[in-house]
Amino acid sequence: MAEGKAKEAMETEPESTTIDPRDIISSDDEIDYSIKPEFYDPNLDEKDELWVHKQRKGRTSDAVLSCPACFTTLCLDCQRHEKYVNQYRAMFVTNCSIRRDQILRQPKQKPRMSRRRVDAEKDVVFYPVCCSVCATEVGVFDEDEIYHFFDVIPSNS
């Protein structure tokens, strides 16, 4: 009995209709490119440049640093590491959060040839630094309140 009802339902369903792709209108065909969009500002680059110079207060920077995941600007004023060219350090940042709940330690290197016993030096303590927009870890913050960026996208300043 159930088979008969299922068979009737299949027979009464309408057949699927096919659409000719030539009948579909692309949204690009509906856009009038002769009119400039309302959000276009031809002077925006100059305004942005003035804002950056105001933020830097006359200082020059080796790069502008951005988050590798969401491209949010993290630092406008930084200094490139002398040895490791993909690392930067900075004192003033934007859109960064310090994770004080995690501690990263780096043991201090002991001198190779020491005739005197050196007092036990404490480890260097770092805190992870994350992008405040997407929470991607982008560097560390040290005890001297210096940010060390190692996972960022640098661009010309």
Protein backbone atom coordinates (compact mmCIF):
# COMPACT_ATOMS: atom_id res chain seq x y z
CA MET A 1 0.00 0.00 0.00
CA ALA A 2 2.83 2.39 0.88
CA GLU A 3 4.51 1.56 -2.42
CA GLY A 4 1.43 2.65 -4.35
CA LYS A 5 1.30 6.09 -2.63
CA ALA A 6 5.01 6.68 -3.26
CA LYS A 7 4.53 5.76 -6.93
CA GLU A 8 1.61 8.22 -7.24
CA ALA A 9 3.64 11.01 -5.63
CA MET A 10 6.48 10.46 -8.08
CA GLU A 11 4.12 10.52 -11.05
CA THR A 12 2.38 13.77 -10.01
CA GLU A 13 5.61 15.80 -9.41
CA PRO A 14 6.32 18.29 -12.18
CA GLU A 15 9.34 17.67 -14.36
CA SER A 16 12.34 19.96 -13.76
CA THR A 17 12.66 22.75 -16.29
CA THR A 18 16.00 23.56 -17.85
CA ILE A 19 17.23 27.17 -18.14
CA ASP A 20 19.01 28.36 -21.23
CA PRO A 21 22.31 30.00 -20.10
CA ARG A 22 21.91 32.66 -22.83
CA ASP A 23 18.81 33.94 -21.03
CA ILE A 24 20.72 34.77 -17.83
CA ILE A 25 21.77 38.42 -17.53
CA SER A 26 25.09 39.07 -15.80
CA SER A 27 25.13 41.70 -13.05
CA ASP A 28 28.03 43.37 -14.92
CA ASP A 29 25.61 44.12 -17.76
CA GLU A 30 23.41 46.09 -15.36
CA ILE A 31 26.19 48.39 -14.02
CA ASP A 32 26.59 51.82 -15.56
CA TYR A 33 30.36 52.44 -15.51
CA SER A 34 30.02 55.99 -16.88
CA ILE A 35 28.94 57.23 -13.42
CA LYS A 36 31.60 57.38 -10.69
CA PRO A 37 30.59 55.50 -7.54
CA GLU A 38 29.63 57.63 -4.54
CA PHE A 39 32.36 56.09 -2.38
CA TYR A 40 35.16 57.19 -4.73
CA ASP A 41 37.41 59.98 -3.41
CA PRO A 42 40.27 61.08 -5.70
CA ASN A 43 42.02 62.87 -2.80
CA LEU A 44 41.95 59.89 -0.43
CA ASP A 45 45.62 58.94 -0.92
CA GLU A 46 46.77 62.43 0.03
CA LYS A 47 44.51 62.45 3.10
CA ASP A 48 45.85 59.04 4.18
CA GLU A 49 49.44 60.19 3.72
CA LEU A 50 48.85 63.28 5.86
CA TRP A 51 47.25 61.12 8.59
CA VAL A 52 50.26 58.74 8.65
CA HIS A 53 52.75 61.65 8.85
CA LYS A 54 50.74 63.08 11.75
CA GLN A 55 50.80 59.72 13.56
CA ARG A 56 54.57 59.32 13.09
CA LYS A 57 55.30 62.88 14.31
CA GLY A 58 58.09 63.38 11.78
CA ARG A 59 59.88 60.08 12.42
CA THR A 60 60.75 57.75 9.56
CA SER A 61 60.04 54.04 9.61
CA ASP A 62 61.58 51.01 7.95
CA ALA A 63 58.13 49.60 7.08
CA VAL A 64 54.41 49.64 7.75
CA LEU A 65 53.49 46.28 9.30
CA SER A 66 50.22 44.46 8.61
CA CYS A 67 48.61 41.29 9.93
CA PRO A 68 49.23 38.33 7.59
CA ALA A 69 45.69 36.99 8.06
CA CYS A 70 43.41 40.04 7.84
CA PHE A 71 45.82 42.77 6.55
CA THR A 72 45.00 45.11 9.44
CA THR A 73 47.67 47.76 10.05
CA LEU A 74 49.65 46.88 13.18
CA CYS A 75 52.52 49.35 13.22
CA LEU A 76 53.44 52.57 11.40
CA ASP A 77 56.78 53.22 13.09
CA CYS A 78 59.20 50.28 13.38
CA GLN A 79 62.84 49.33 13.00
CA ARG A 80 64.06 46.35 10.99
CA HIS A 81 66.30 43.78 12.68
CA GLU A 82 69.92 44.01 11.52
CA LYS A 83 70.47 40.26 11.19
CA TYR A 84 66.99 38.81 10.62
CA VAL A 85 65.44 40.90 7.84
CA ASN A 86 61.93 39.52 8.36
CA GLN A 87 61.81 40.73 11.99
CA TYR A 88 60.93 44.19 13.27
CA ARG A 89 60.77 45.93 16.63
CA ALA A 90 58.56 48.79 17.74
CA MET A 91 57.42 50.71 20.78
CA PHE A 92 54.10 52.07 19.48
CA VAL A 93 51.55 49.80 17.81
CA THR A 94 47.88 49.74 16.85
CA ASN A 95 45.38 46.88 16.67
CA CYS A 96 47.56 44.61 18.84
CA SER A 97 46.74 42.82 22.06
CA ILE A 98 49.21 41.31 24.52
CA ARG A 99 48.33 37.88 25.89
CA ARG A 100 49.45 38.21 29.50
CA ASP A 101 47.95 34.81 30.32
CA GLN A 102 50.75 33.09 28.38
CA ILE A 103 54.44 33.42 29.19
CA LEU A 104 57.20 32.47 26.76
CA ARG A 105 60.68 32.05 28.23
CA GLN A 106 64.03 32.14 26.49
CA PRO A 107 66.96 30.91 28.56
CA LYS A 108 69.87 33.32 28.74
CA GLN A 109 72.95 32.06 26.96
CA LYS A 110 75.81 31.30 29.26
CA PRO A 111 79.31 32.46 28.38
CA ARG A 112 81.34 29.72 26.68
CA MET A 113 84.59 30.20 28.55
CA SER A 114 84.08 31.34 32.07
CA ARG A 115 86.62 30.67 34.78
CA ARG A 116 84.40 32.17 37.45
CA ARG A 117 81.05 30.80 38.37
CA VAL A 118 78.38 33.17 37.07
CA ASP A 119 75.31 33.69 39.19
CA ALA A 120 72.24 32.05 37.75
CA GLU A 121 70.67 34.58 35.44
CA LYS A 122 66.94 34.59 35.04
CA ASP A 123 65.29 33.72 31.74
CA VAL A 124 64.08 36.39 29.33
CA VAL A 125 60.28 36.57 29.50
CA PHE A 126 58.08 37.32 26.50
CA TYR A 127 54.32 37.60 26.06
CA PRO A 128 52.61 36.68 22.78
CA VAL A 129 51.23 39.59 20.73
CA CYS A 130 48.13 38.99 18.63
CA CYS A 131 46.19 40.99 16.06
CA SER A 132 43.21 42.43 17.91
CA VAL A 133 40.99 41.96 14.84
CA CYS A 134 41.55 38.28 14.00
CA ALA A 135 43.68 37.02 16.96
CA THR A 136 46.58 35.83 14.78
CA GLU A 137 49.86 35.70 16.72
CA VAL A 138 52.21 38.22 15.10
CA GLY A 139 55.06 38.63 17.58
CA VAL A 140 56.08 39.01 21.22
CA PHE A 141 56.28 41.72 23.88
CA ASP A 142 59.34 41.77 26.15
CA GLU A 143 60.10 43.01 29.68
CA ASP A 144 61.51 46.27 28.29
CA GLU A 145 58.09 47.00 26.71
CA ILE A 146 59.35 46.48 23.18
CA TYR A 147 57.25 44.71 20.56
CA HIS A 148 59.12 42.20 18.40
CA PHE A 149 57.24 41.33 15.20
CA PHE A 150 58.20 38.23 13.25
CA ASP A 151 55.00 37.10 11.52
CA VAL A 152 53.84 40.24 9.70
CA ILE A 153 53.60 41.64 6.20
CA PRO A 154 55.92 44.63 5.75
CA SER A 155 55.25 47.29 3.13
CA ASN A 156 57.11 50.39 2.07
CA SER A 157 56.58 53.37 4.32
